Protein backbone atom coordinates (compact mmCIF):
# COMPACT_ATOMS: atom_id res chain seq x y z
CA MET A 1 -82.13 -42.18 -115.59
CA ARG A 2 -85.06 -40.43 -113.98
CA ASN A 3 -83.01 -37.23 -113.55
CA PHE A 4 -82.05 -37.33 -117.22
CA VAL A 5 -85.69 -37.61 -118.31
CA LEU A 6 -86.75 -34.81 -115.97
CA GLY A 7 -83.89 -32.60 -117.17
CA ALA A 8 -84.77 -33.24 -120.82
CA LEU A 9 -88.42 -32.53 -120.12
CA LEU A 10 -87.53 -29.33 -118.30
CA PHE A 11 -85.41 -28.22 -121.27
CA LEU A 12 -88.24 -28.88 -123.72
CA ILE A 13 -90.82 -27.06 -121.61
CA VAL A 14 -88.80 -24.06 -120.45
CA LEU A 15 -85.88 -23.34 -122.74
CA TRP A 16 -86.85 -24.52 -126.20
CA PRO A 17 -89.89 -22.27 -126.78
CA GLN A 18 -87.88 -19.20 -125.82
CA ASN A 19 -85.17 -19.92 -128.35
CA GLY A 20 -87.02 -21.74 -131.10
CA MET A 21 -90.32 -19.92 -131.29
CA ALA A 22 -89.77 -16.35 -130.21
CA GLU A 23 -87.56 -15.16 -133.03
CA THR A 24 -87.30 -11.42 -133.37
CA VAL A 25 -85.92 -9.61 -136.35
CA ASN A 26 -83.56 -6.67 -136.72
CA VAL A 27 -85.54 -4.88 -139.45
CA GLU A 28 -87.21 -1.73 -138.17
CA LEU A 29 -89.78 0.03 -140.31
CA PRO A 30 -91.94 3.11 -139.76
CA ALA A 31 -95.66 2.65 -139.16
CA PRO A 32 -97.36 1.63 -142.42
CA ASP A 33 -99.48 4.11 -144.30
CA GLY A 34 -102.02 2.23 -146.40
CA PHE A 35 -101.73 -1.01 -148.35
CA VAL A 36 -98.53 -0.04 -150.22
CA ASN A 37 -95.39 0.95 -148.31
CA ASP A 38 -92.33 1.46 -150.48
CA TYR A 39 -89.61 1.89 -147.85
CA ALA A 40 -86.93 0.85 -150.38
CA GLU A 41 -88.14 3.56 -152.78
CA VAL A 42 -88.21 1.32 -155.86
CA LEU A 43 -91.78 2.04 -157.01
CA SER A 44 -92.85 5.12 -158.92
CA GLU A 45 -95.30 7.52 -157.31
CA GLN A 46 -97.96 6.65 -159.92
CA GLY A 47 -97.29 2.94 -159.43
CA GLU A 48 -97.89 3.30 -155.69
CA ILE A 49 -101.10 5.26 -156.28
CA ASP A 50 -102.43 2.68 -158.75
CA LEU A 51 -101.61 -0.22 -156.43
CA GLU A 52 -103.11 1.55 -153.41
CA GLN A 53 -106.37 2.19 -155.27
CA THR A 54 -106.56 -1.40 -156.50
CA LEU A 55 -105.88 -2.91 -153.09
CA ALA A 56 -108.34 -0.56 -151.37
CA ALA A 57 -111.02 -1.59 -153.90
CA PHE A 58 -110.14 -5.26 -153.31
CA GLU A 59 -110.54 -4.82 -149.55
CA LYS A 60 -113.83 -2.97 -149.97
CA SER A 61 -115.33 -5.58 -152.31
CA THR A 62 -114.03 -8.76 -150.66
CA GLY A 63 -113.00 -7.88 -147.11
CA GLY A 64 -109.57 -9.40 -147.81
CA GLU A 65 -106.40 -7.40 -147.35
CA ILE A 66 -103.31 -7.40 -149.53
CA ALA A 67 -100.27 -5.41 -148.43
CA ILE A 68 -97.12 -4.58 -150.38
CA ILE A 69 -93.95 -3.65 -148.54
CA THR A 70 -90.50 -2.99 -149.95
CA ILE A 71 -87.67 -2.82 -147.45
CA PRO A 72 -84.22 -1.29 -147.93
CA SER A 73 -82.39 -4.14 -146.18
CA LEU A 74 -83.02 -7.39 -144.34
CA ALA A 75 -80.42 -6.35 -141.72
CA GLY A 76 -79.06 -9.89 -141.60
CA ASP A 77 -82.47 -11.54 -141.12
CA SER A 78 -84.14 -14.05 -143.40
CA LEU A 79 -86.90 -12.72 -145.64
CA GLU A 80 -89.24 -15.38 -144.27
CA SER A 81 -88.78 -14.27 -140.64
CA VAL A 82 -89.21 -10.60 -141.58
CA ALA A 83 -92.34 -11.40 -143.60
CA VAL A 84 -93.89 -13.45 -140.78
CA GLU A 85 -93.17 -10.73 -138.22
CA ILE A 86 -94.54 -7.92 -140.41
CA PHE A 87 -97.60 -9.99 -141.31
CA GLY A 88 -98.34 -10.59 -137.63
CA LYS A 89 -97.58 -7.07 -136.43
CA LEU A 90 -99.75 -5.45 -139.09
CA GLY A 91 -102.56 -7.96 -138.65
CA ILE A 92 -103.06 -8.26 -142.39
CA GLY A 93 -106.49 -9.76 -143.09
CA LYS A 94 -109.63 -9.94 -141.00
CA LYS A 95 -109.07 -11.63 -137.64
CA ASN A 96 -111.85 -14.20 -137.90
CA LYS A 97 -111.13 -14.97 -141.58
CA ASP A 98 -107.32 -14.68 -141.72
CA ASN A 99 -107.75 -13.47 -145.31
CA GLY A 100 -104.58 -11.49 -145.78
CA LEU A 101 -101.61 -11.59 -148.12
CA LEU A 102 -98.27 -9.79 -148.01
CA LEU A 103 -95.98 -9.21 -150.97
CA ILE A 104 -92.60 -8.23 -149.54
CA VAL A 105 -89.60 -7.15 -151.60
CA ALA A 106 -86.02 -6.72 -150.40
CA PRO A 107 -84.28 -5.37 -153.52
CA ALA A 108 -80.82 -5.00 -151.92
CA GLU A 109 -80.76 -8.76 -151.26
CA ARG A 110 -82.68 -9.51 -154.48
CA GLN A 111 -85.41 -11.37 -152.61
CA VAL A 112 -89.20 -11.39 -152.84
CA ARG A 113 -91.80 -13.38 -150.93
CA ILE A 114 -95.55 -13.82 -150.81
CA GLU A 115 -96.79 -14.51 -147.27
CA VAL A 116 -100.35 -15.82 -147.12
CA GLY A 117 -102.88 -15.93 -144.27
CA TYR A 118 -104.62 -19.22 -143.50
CA GLY A 119 -107.82 -18.03 -145.16
CA TYR A 120 -106.10 -17.83 -148.56
CA GLU A 121 -103.76 -20.84 -148.25
CA GLY A 122 -106.14 -23.10 -150.14
CA ILE A 123 -106.10 -20.70 -153.09
CA ILE A 124 -102.60 -19.19 -153.00
CA THR A 125 -100.52 -22.22 -152.05
CA ASP A 126 -96.78 -22.02 -151.41
CA GLY A 127 -96.22 -23.61 -154.82
CA LEU A 128 -98.43 -21.09 -156.59
CA ALA A 129 -96.81 -18.19 -154.71
CA GLY A 130 -93.39 -19.44 -155.86
CA GLU A 131 -94.64 -19.77 -159.43
CA ILE A 132 -96.01 -16.21 -159.42
CA ILE A 133 -92.69 -14.93 -158.10
CA ARG A 134 -90.54 -16.91 -160.57
CA GLU A 135 -92.66 -16.55 -163.69
CA LYS A 136 -94.37 -13.19 -163.25
CA ILE A 137 -92.42 -10.95 -160.86
CA ILE A 138 -88.74 -11.85 -161.25
CA PRO A 139 -88.50 -11.26 -165.04
CA TYR A 140 -89.55 -7.63 -164.53
CA PHE A 141 -87.32 -7.17 -161.50
CA LYS A 142 -84.36 -8.47 -163.52
CA ALA A 143 -85.18 -5.86 -166.16
CA GLY A 144 -85.17 -3.20 -163.41
CA ASP A 145 -88.93 -2.58 -163.59
CA TYR A 146 -90.24 -2.98 -160.05
CA ASP A 147 -93.55 -1.27 -160.88
CA ALA A 148 -94.38 -3.82 -163.58
CA GLY A 149 -93.13 -6.78 -161.51
CA VAL A 150 -95.28 -5.87 -158.53
CA ARG A 151 -98.26 -5.03 -160.75
CA VAL A 152 -98.08 -8.32 -162.68
CA GLY A 153 -97.61 -10.27 -159.43
CA ILE A 154 -100.59 -8.60 -157.77
CA ASN A 155 -102.67 -9.17 -160.92
CA ALA A 156 -101.85 -12.89 -160.77
CA VAL A 157 -102.89 -12.99 -157.10
CA LEU A 158 -106.12 -11.10 -157.81
CA GLU A 159 -106.95 -13.43 -160.69
CA LYS A 160 -106.46 -16.49 -158.48
CA LEU A 161 -108.61 -14.94 -155.76
CA GLY A 162 -111.35 -14.53 -158.36
CA THR A 163 -111.32 -10.75 -158.58
CA GLY A 164 -109.83 -10.40 -162.04
CA SER A 165 -107.01 -8.12 -163.06
CA ALA A 166 -107.57 -4.57 -161.85
CA LEU A 167 -104.22 -3.02 -162.77
CA GLN A 168 -103.60 -2.33 -166.41
CA GLY A 169 -100.75 0.14 -166.77
CA ASN A 170 -98.54 0.51 -169.80
CA MET A 171 -96.34 -2.50 -170.31
CA ASP A 172 -94.54 -3.68 -173.40
CA VAL A 173 -94.90 -7.46 -173.07
CA ASN A 174 -94.64 -10.51 -175.28
CA ALA A 175 -97.25 -13.29 -175.66
CA GLN A 176 -96.11 -14.94 -172.41
CA GLY A 177 -96.62 -11.73 -170.44
CA LEU A 178 -92.90 -11.12 -170.04
CA PRO A 179 -91.12 -7.85 -170.84
CA ASN A 180 -89.81 -7.49 -174.39
């Protein structure tokens, strides 16, 4: 019995963290260049410029960092694991405040996620992030308008963070804010 307990303890201490906590992903991306990195090439050039300016102004005025990354493929990984790895590798947000947010889009797999640093979790909860994705972003993505979907999603995040909506753009929307 004692050997069994020691063996189980040894497994938990030595083997489990290596397999359960050190997940690596297959997605490889170039070094980021700014707050907006459209590796899947789904955003217009003007859309990227507008987003970059808005997110740079947000960082300057609040110290918080919001990054947008589109990726061509998940390469068999889950969007969550890719988002967590990118978030950590890029160090989004200030170290002592953990005030970062990542909007990641994988159009080939039709997936989108908002990954939030601890500093913003009380404001942008998992439930709210899901609501922004479902109600704001996805309707535009379904219509093939990634620029508008990302813009409306970022506006919703900025509004919740108390910075107002900084991106206007030209959108033909109905009273609910959805594309006509």
